[in-house]
C-alpha atoms as a PDB file:
ATOM      1  CA  UNK A   1     -17.444   9.493 -26.696  1.00  0.00           C
ATOM      2  CA  UNK A   2     -20.580   8.103 -24.568  1.00  0.00           C
ATOM      3  CA  UNK A   3     -19.499   4.216 -25.978  1.00  0.00           C
ATOM      4  CA  UNK A   4     -16.121   4.827 -24.137  1.00  0.00           C
ATOM      5  CA  UNK A   5     -17.171   6.557 -21.251  1.00  0.00           C
ATOM      6  CA  UNK A   6     -19.295   3.139 -21.080  1.00  0.00           C
ATOM      7  CA  UNK A   7     -17.031   0.663 -21.534  1.00  0.00           C
ATOM      8  CA  UNK A   8     -14.718   2.331 -18.961  1.00  0.00           C
ATOM      9  CA  UNK A   9     -17.268   1.997 -16.329  1.00  0.00           C
ATOM     10  CA  UNK A  10     -18.362  -1.537 -17.716  1.00  0.00           C
ATOM     11  CA  UNK A  11     -14.485  -2.526 -17.263  1.00  0.00           C
ATOM     12  CA  UNK A  12     -14.217  -1.400 -13.722  1.00  0.00           C
ATOM     13  CA  UNK A  13     -17.837  -2.236 -12.620  1.00  0.00           C
ATOM     14  CA  UNK A  14     -16.573  -6.448 -14.355  1.00  0.00           C
ATOM     15  CA  UNK A  15     -13.141  -6.212 -12.217  1.00  0.00           C
ATOM     16  CA  UNK A  16     -15.562  -5.328  -9.318  1.00  0.00           C
ATOM     17  CA  UNK A  17     -17.683  -8.393  -9.613  1.00  0.00           C
ATOM     18  CA  UNK A  18     -14.493 -10.549 -10.152  1.00  0.00           C
ATOM     19  CA  UNK A  19     -13.299  -9.551  -6.719  1.00  0.00           C
ATOM     20  CA  UNK A  20     -16.172 -10.368  -5.286  1.00  0.00           C
ATOM     21  CA  UNK A  21     -15.920 -13.888  -5.887  1.00  0.00           C
ATOM     22  CA  UNK A  22     -12.089 -13.623  -4.858  1.00  0.00           C
ATOM     23  CA  UNK A  23     -11.568 -15.037  -1.438  1.00  0.00           C
ATOM     24  CA  UNK A  24      -7.995 -15.240  -2.110  1.00  0.00           C
ATOM     25  CA  UNK A  25      -7.838 -11.373  -1.828  1.00  0.00           C
ATOM     26  CA  UNK A  26     -10.385 -11.098   0.940  1.00  0.00           C
ATOM     27  CA  UNK A  27      -8.618 -13.415   3.241  1.00  0.00           C
ATOM     28  CA  UNK A  28      -5.910 -11.019   2.335  1.00  0.00           C
ATOM     29  CA  UNK A  29      -7.239  -8.184   3.823  1.00  0.00           C
ATOM     30  CA  UNK A  30      -8.311  -9.415   6.741  1.00  0.00           C
ATOM     31  CA  UNK A  31      -4.905 -10.792   7.595  1.00  0.00           C
ATOM     32  CA  UNK A  32      -3.651  -7.062   6.611  1.00  0.00           C
ATOM     33  CA  UNK A  33      -5.984  -5.638   9.003  1.00  0.00           C
ATOM     34  CA  UNK A  34      -5.007  -7.859  11.806  1.00  0.00           C
ATOM     35  CA  UNK A  35      -1.297  -7.278  11.645  1.00  0.00           C
ATOM     36  CA  UNK A  36      -1.542  -3.873  11.128  1.00  0.00           C
ATOM     37  CA  UNK A  37      -4.056  -3.574  14.464  1.00  0.00           C
ATOM     38  CA  UNK A  38      -1.152  -5.986  15.787  1.00  0.00           C
ATOM     39  CA  UNK A  39       1.217  -3.581  15.198  1.00  0.00           C
ATOM     40  CA  UNK A  40      -0.585   0.048  16.034  1.00  0.00           C
ATOM     41  CA  UNK A  41      -1.489  -1.670  19.577  1.00  0.00           C
ATOM     42  CA  UNK A  42       2.283  -2.438  20.073  1.00  0.00           C
ATOM     43  CA  UNK A  43       3.440   0.859  19.075  1.00  0.00           C
ATOM     44  CA  UNK A  44       4.368   0.560  16.147  1.00  0.00           C
ATOM     45  CA  UNK A  45       3.778   2.328  12.462  1.00  0.00           C
ATOM     46  CA  UNK A  46       2.742   1.814   8.746  1.00  0.00           C
ATOM     47  CA  UNK A  47       4.875   3.025   6.052  1.00  0.00           C
ATOM     48  CA  UNK A  48       3.965   3.311   3.079  1.00  0.00           C
ATOM     49  CA  UNK A  49       5.257   4.304  -0.754  1.00  0.00           C
ATOM     50  CA  UNK A  50       5.150   4.065  -4.426  1.00  0.00           C
ATOM     51  CA  UNK A  51       5.369   6.097  -7.765  1.00  0.00           C
ATOM     52  CA  UNK A  52       3.438   8.216  -9.646  1.00  0.00           C
ATOM     53  CA  UNK A  53      -0.791   6.932  -9.045  1.00  0.00           C
ATOM     54  CA  UNK A  54       0.898   4.859  -6.331  1.00  0.00           C
ATOM     55  CA  UNK A  55       2.758   7.498  -4.395  1.00  0.00           C
ATOM     56  CA  UNK A  56      -0.499   9.273  -4.449  1.00  0.00           C
ATOM     57  CA  UNK A  57      -2.241   6.111  -3.021  1.00  0.00           C
ATOM     58  CA  UNK A  58       0.374   6.114  -0.626  1.00  0.00           C
ATOM     59  CA  UNK A  59      -0.254   9.380   0.641  1.00  0.00           C
ATOM     60  CA  UNK A  60      -3.881   8.750   0.990  1.00  0.00           C
ATOM     61  CA  UNK A  61      -3.817   5.790   2.623  1.00  0.00           C
ATOM     62  CA  UNK A  62      -1.203   7.162   5.179  1.00  0.00           C
ATOM     63  CA  UNK A  63      -3.436  10.687   5.591  1.00  0.00           C
ATOM     64  CA  UNK A  64      -6.965   8.465   6.685  1.00  0.00           C
ATOM     65  CA  UNK A  65      -5.150   6.484   9.392  1.00  0.00           C
ATOM     66  CA  UNK A  66      -2.762   9.508  10.855  1.00  0.00           C
ATOM     67  CA  UNK A  67      -5.821  11.572  10.352  1.00  0.00           C
ATOM     68  CA  UNK A  68      -9.654   9.723  10.441  1.00  0.00           C
ATOM     69  CA  UNK A  69     -11.402   7.874   8.461  1.00  0.00           C
ATOM     70  CA  UNK A  70     -15.117   7.341   9.680  1.00  0.00           C
ATOM     71  CA  UNK A  71     -14.589   8.253  12.971  1.00  0.00           C
ATOM     72  CA  UNK A  72     -12.984  10.848  15.152  1.00  0.00           C
ATOM     73  CA  UNK A  73     -10.642   8.805  17.193  1.00  0.00           C
ATOM     74  CA  UNK A  74      -6.694   9.150  18.176  1.00  0.00           C
ATOM     75  CA  UNK A  75      -4.490   9.740  15.160  1.00  0.00           C
ATOM     76  CA  UNK A  76      -2.835   5.753  14.158  1.00  0.00           C
ATOM     77  CA  UNK A  77       1.039   6.547  12.877  1.00  0.00           C
ATOM     78  CA  UNK A  78       0.807   6.146   9.434  1.00  0.00           C
ATOM     79  CA  UNK A  79       3.530   7.762   6.805  1.00  0.00           C
ATOM     80  CA  UNK A  80       4.009   8.120   3.087  1.00  0.00           C
ATOM     81  CA  UNK A  81       8.122   7.403   2.137  1.00  0.00           C
ATOM     82  CA  UNK A  82       7.426   9.765  -0.933  1.00  0.00           C
ATOM     83  CA  UNK A  83       6.068  12.878   0.561  1.00  0.00           C
ATOM     84  CA  UNK A  84       9.833  14.755   1.240  1.00  0.00           C
ATOM     85  CA  UNK A  85      10.980  15.734  -1.981  1.00  0.00           C
ATOM     86  CA  UNK A  86      13.906  17.466  -1.212  1.00  0.00           C
ATOM     87  CA  UNK A  87      15.477  13.782   0.395  1.00  0.00           C
ATOM     88  CA  UNK A  88      13.679  11.900  -2.397  1.00  0.00           C
ATOM     89  CA  UNK A  89      15.655  14.228  -4.615  1.00  0.00           C
ATOM     90  CA  UNK A  90      19.301  14.575  -2.493  1.00  0.00           C
ATOM     91  CA  UNK A  91      19.005  10.711  -2.376  1.00  0.00           C
ATOM     92  CA  UNK A  92      18.260  10.255  -5.953  1.00  0.00           C
ATOM     93  CA  UNK A  93      21.083  12.751  -6.982  1.00  0.00           C
ATOM     94  CA  UNK A  94      23.491  11.160  -4.684  1.00  0.00           C
ATOM     95  CA  UNK A  95      23.061   7.760  -4.671  1.00  0.00           C
ATOM     96  CA  UNK A  96      20.300   6.682  -7.037  1.00  0.00           C
ATOM     97  CA  UNK A  97      16.880   6.751  -7.260  1.00  0.00           C
ATOM     98  CA  UNK A  98      16.165   3.007  -6.971  1.00  0.00           C
ATOM     99  CA  UNK A  99      17.669   3.755  -3.292  1.00  0.00           C
ATOM    100  CA  UNK A 100      15.343   6.349  -2.384  1.00  0.00           C
ATOM    101  CA  UNK A 101      13.094   4.824  -0.243  1.00  0.00           C
ATOM    102  CA  UNK A 102      15.342   1.849   1.402  1.00  0.00           C
ATOM    103  CA  UNK A 103      17.359   4.756   2.347  1.00  0.00           C
ATOM    104  CA  UNK A 104      14.376   6.423   4.243  1.00  0.00           C
ATOM    105  CA  UNK A 105      13.024   3.131   5.783  1.00  0.00           C
ATOM    106  CA  UNK A 106      16.396   2.408   7.162  1.00  0.00           C
ATOM    107  CA  UNK A 107      16.051   5.599   8.629  1.00  0.00           C
ATOM    108  CA  UNK A 108      12.625   5.586   9.609  1.00  0.00           C
ATOM    109  CA  UNK A 109      11.595   1.807  10.163  1.00  0.00           C
ATOM    110  CA  UNK A 110      12.176  -0.814  13.078  1.00  0.00           C
ATOM    111  CA  UNK A 111      11.438  -4.296  13.733  1.00  0.00           C
ATOM    112  CA  UNK A 112       7.677  -5.144  13.598  1.00  0.00           C
ATOM    113  CA  UNK A 113       7.120  -2.325  11.905  1.00  0.00           C
ATOM    114  CA  UNK A 114       4.700  -2.194   8.058  1.00  0.00           C
ATOM    115  CA  UNK A 115       5.727  -1.462   4.934  1.00  0.00           C
ATOM    116  CA  UNK A 116       2.977  -1.055   2.398  1.00  0.00           C
ATOM    117  CA  UNK A 117       5.137  -1.034  -0.679  1.00  0.00           C
ATOM    118  CA  UNK A 118       2.233  -0.568  -3.840  1.00  0.00           C
ATOM    119  CA  UNK A 119       3.351  -1.028  -7.561  1.00  0.00           C
ATOM    120  CA  UNK A 120       1.050  -1.537 -10.581  1.00  0.00           C
ATOM    121  CA  UNK A 121       3.635  -3.755 -12.366  1.00  0.00           C
ATOM    122  CA  UNK A 122       5.116  -5.082  -9.297  1.00  0.00           C
ATOM    123  CA  UNK A 123       9.086  -4.711 -10.741  1.00  0.00           C
ATOM    124  CA  UNK A 124       9.460  -0.543 -10.042  1.00  0.00           C
ATOM    125  CA  UNK A 125      13.481  -0.739  -8.651  1.00  0.00           C
ATOM    126  CA  UNK A 126      12.825   1.353  -5.973  1.00  0.00           C
ATOM    127  CA  UNK A 127       9.771  -0.516  -4.606  1.00  0.00           C
ATOM    128  CA  UNK A 128      12.493  -3.673  -4.918  1.00  0.00           C
ATOM    129  CA  UNK A 129      15.032  -1.971  -3.433  1.00  0.00           C
ATOM    130  CA  UNK A 130      12.620  -1.366  -0.233  1.00  0.00           C
ATOM    131  CA  UNK A 131      11.128  -4.311   0.377  1.00  0.00           C
ATOM    132  CA  UNK A 132      14.835  -5.720   0.845  1.00  0.00           C
ATOM    133  CA  UNK A 133      15.710  -3.531   2.952  1.00  0.00           C
ATOM    134  CA  UNK A 134      12.698  -3.685   5.186  1.00  0.00           C
ATOM    135  CA  UNK A 135      13.330  -7.602   5.452  1.00  0.00           C
ATOM    136  CA  UNK A 136      16.615  -7.081   6.421  1.00  0.00           C
ATOM    137  CA  UNK A 137      15.324  -4.964   9.440  1.00  0.00           C
ATOM    138  CA  UNK A 138      12.862  -7.491  10.003  1.00  0.00           C
ATOM    139  CA  UNK A 139       9.725  -5.323   9.264  1.00  0.00           C
ATOM    140  CA  UNK A 140       6.598  -6.956   8.151  1.00  0.00           C
ATOM    141  CA  UNK A 141       6.042  -6.401   3.437  1.00  0.00           C
ATOM    142  CA  UNK A 142       2.693  -5.884   2.407  1.00  0.00           C
ATOM    143  CA  UNK A 143       2.457  -5.018  -1.551  1.00  0.00           C
ATOM    144  CA  UNK A 144      -0.068  -4.176  -3.834  1.00  0.00           C
ATOM    145  CA  UNK A 145       0.115  -5.346  -7.361  1.00  0.00           C
ATOM    146  CA  UNK A 146      -1.424  -5.585 -10.685  1.00  0.00           C
ATOM    147  CA  UNK A 147      -1.824  -9.115 -12.749  1.00  0.00           C
ATOM    148  CA  UNK A 148       1.525 -10.004 -13.439  1.00  0.00           C
ATOM    149  CA  UNK A 149       3.840 -12.685 -11.708  1.00  0.00           C
ATOM    150  CA  UNK A 150       6.260  -9.688 -10.525  1.00  0.00           C
ATOM    151  CA  UNK A 151       9.806  -9.079  -8.370  1.00  0.00           C
ATOM    152  CA  UNK A 152       7.930  -8.116  -5.531  1.00  0.00           C
ATOM    153  CA  UNK A 153       6.084 -11.730  -5.349  1.00  0.00           C
ATOM    154  CA  UNK A 154       9.046 -13.706  -3.286  1.00  0.00           C
ATOM    155  CA  UNK A 155       9.489 -10.052  -1.000  1.00  0.00           C
ATOM    156  CA  UNK A 156       6.387  -9.493   0.273  1.00  0.00           C
ATOM    157  CA  UNK A 157       4.443 -11.461   3.353  1.00  0.00           C
ATOM    158  CA  UNK A 158       0.955 -10.750   1.967  1.00  0.00           C
ATOM    159  CA  UNK A 159       0.582  -9.370  -1.383  1.00  0.00           C
ATOM    160  CA  UNK A 160      -2.629  -8.347  -3.452  1.00  0.00           C
ATOM    161  CA  UNK A 161      -2.530  -9.202  -7.236  1.00  0.00           C
ATOM    162  CA  UNK A 162      -5.186  -7.241  -8.901  1.00  0.00           C
ATOM    163  CA  UNK A 163      -6.519  -9.098 -11.629  1.00  0.00           C
ATOM    164  CA  UNK A 164      -5.929  -7.083 -14.542  1.00  0.00           C
ATOM    165  CA  UNK A 165      -3.180  -5.870 -16.848  1.00  0.00           C
ATOM    166  CA  UNK A 166      -4.748  -2.090 -17.066  1.00  0.00           C
ATOM    167  CA  UNK A 167      -3.000   0.719 -14.457  1.00  0.00           C
ATOM    168  CA  UNK A 168      -5.694   2.692 -14.204  1.00  0.00           C
ATOM    169  CA  UNK A 169      -8.173  -0.197 -13.116  1.00  0.00           C
ATOM    170  CA  UNK A 170      -5.594  -1.526 -11.074  1.00  0.00           C
ATOM    171  CA  UNK A 171      -4.846   1.635  -9.464  1.00  0.00           C
ATOM    172  CA  UNK A 172      -8.706   2.090  -8.446  1.00  0.00           C
ATOM    173  CA  UNK A 173      -8.941  -1.440  -6.599  1.00  0.00           C
ATOM    174  CA  UNK A 174      -5.466  -0.469  -5.059  1.00  0.00           C
ATOM    175  CA  UNK A 175      -7.716   2.873  -3.413  1.00  0.00           C
ATOM    176  CA  UNK A 176     -10.258  -0.153  -2.802  1.00  0.00           C
ATOM    177  CA  UNK A 177      -8.171  -1.872  -1.037  1.00  0.00           C
ATOM    178  CA  UNK A 178      -7.033   0.904   1.041  1.00  0.00           C
ATOM    179  CA  UNK A 179     -10.279   2.128   1.840  1.00  0.00           C
ATOM    180  CA  UNK A 180     -11.500  -1.315   2.904  1.00  0.00           C
ATOM    181  CA  UNK A 181      -8.709  -1.614   5.330  1.00  0.00           C
ATOM    182  CA  UNK A 182      -8.399   1.609   7.029  1.00  0.00           C
ATOM    183  CA  UNK A 183     -12.321   1.371   7.468  1.00  0.00           C
ATOM    184  CA  UNK A 184     -11.412  -2.094   9.245  1.00  0.00           C
ATOM    185  CA  UNK A 185      -8.388  -1.201  11.466  1.00  0.00           C
ATOM    186  CA  UNK A 186     -10.801   1.744  12.638  1.00  0.00           C
ATOM    187  CA  UNK A 187     -13.346  -0.390  13.411  1.00  0.00           C
ATOM    188  CA  UNK A 188     -11.277  -2.945  15.295  1.00  0.00           C
ATOM    189  CA  UNK A 189      -9.211   0.128  17.231  1.00  0.00           C
ATOM    190  CA  UNK A 190     -11.752   1.977  18.254  1.00  0.00           C
ATOM    191  CA  UNK A 191     -15.122   0.631  18.584  1.00  0.00           C
ATOM    192  CA  UNK A 192     -16.608   2.724  21.159  1.00  0.00           C
ATOM    193  CA  UNK A 193     -15.959   5.649  19.356  1.00  0.00           C
END
């Protein structure tokens, strides 16, 4: 078992090392921070969504921004679309699961808001549908995905593709990127707090 633990740690460490030299990913994070800061300053919001572990990541990132990360400061309007189980089960029953997030963004989203959609495969049907709906509403689209070329690619204004096919490693990097984004947004928005 010790060897398996070391292998998992080694694989994770190796991926982190790759990302240290991935300037495309780092530029994408910088762009995301800049766009989010501008949106928040203009009174817009960040909406997030995902399935399974990615739903948890969406909720986690939203909580860091709407609550606090490192600083005691005013809240930012960030909300995960996947937290209302009554809504999700009703829409899934009445319209099909593929439309759960698309209908919600149609209700909550407005022009110049931002959507951060998370899918390790990049091919989840409800994520594809919410990205399509967001684009039709002039909502800026950000994607977090894995290594593969996916359906999300053409629907995102910015996409972070983690260079791995291992779901657990991809999710580890998604939350790392989310934490970096939260910290930098907080520092940019509230430099004197």
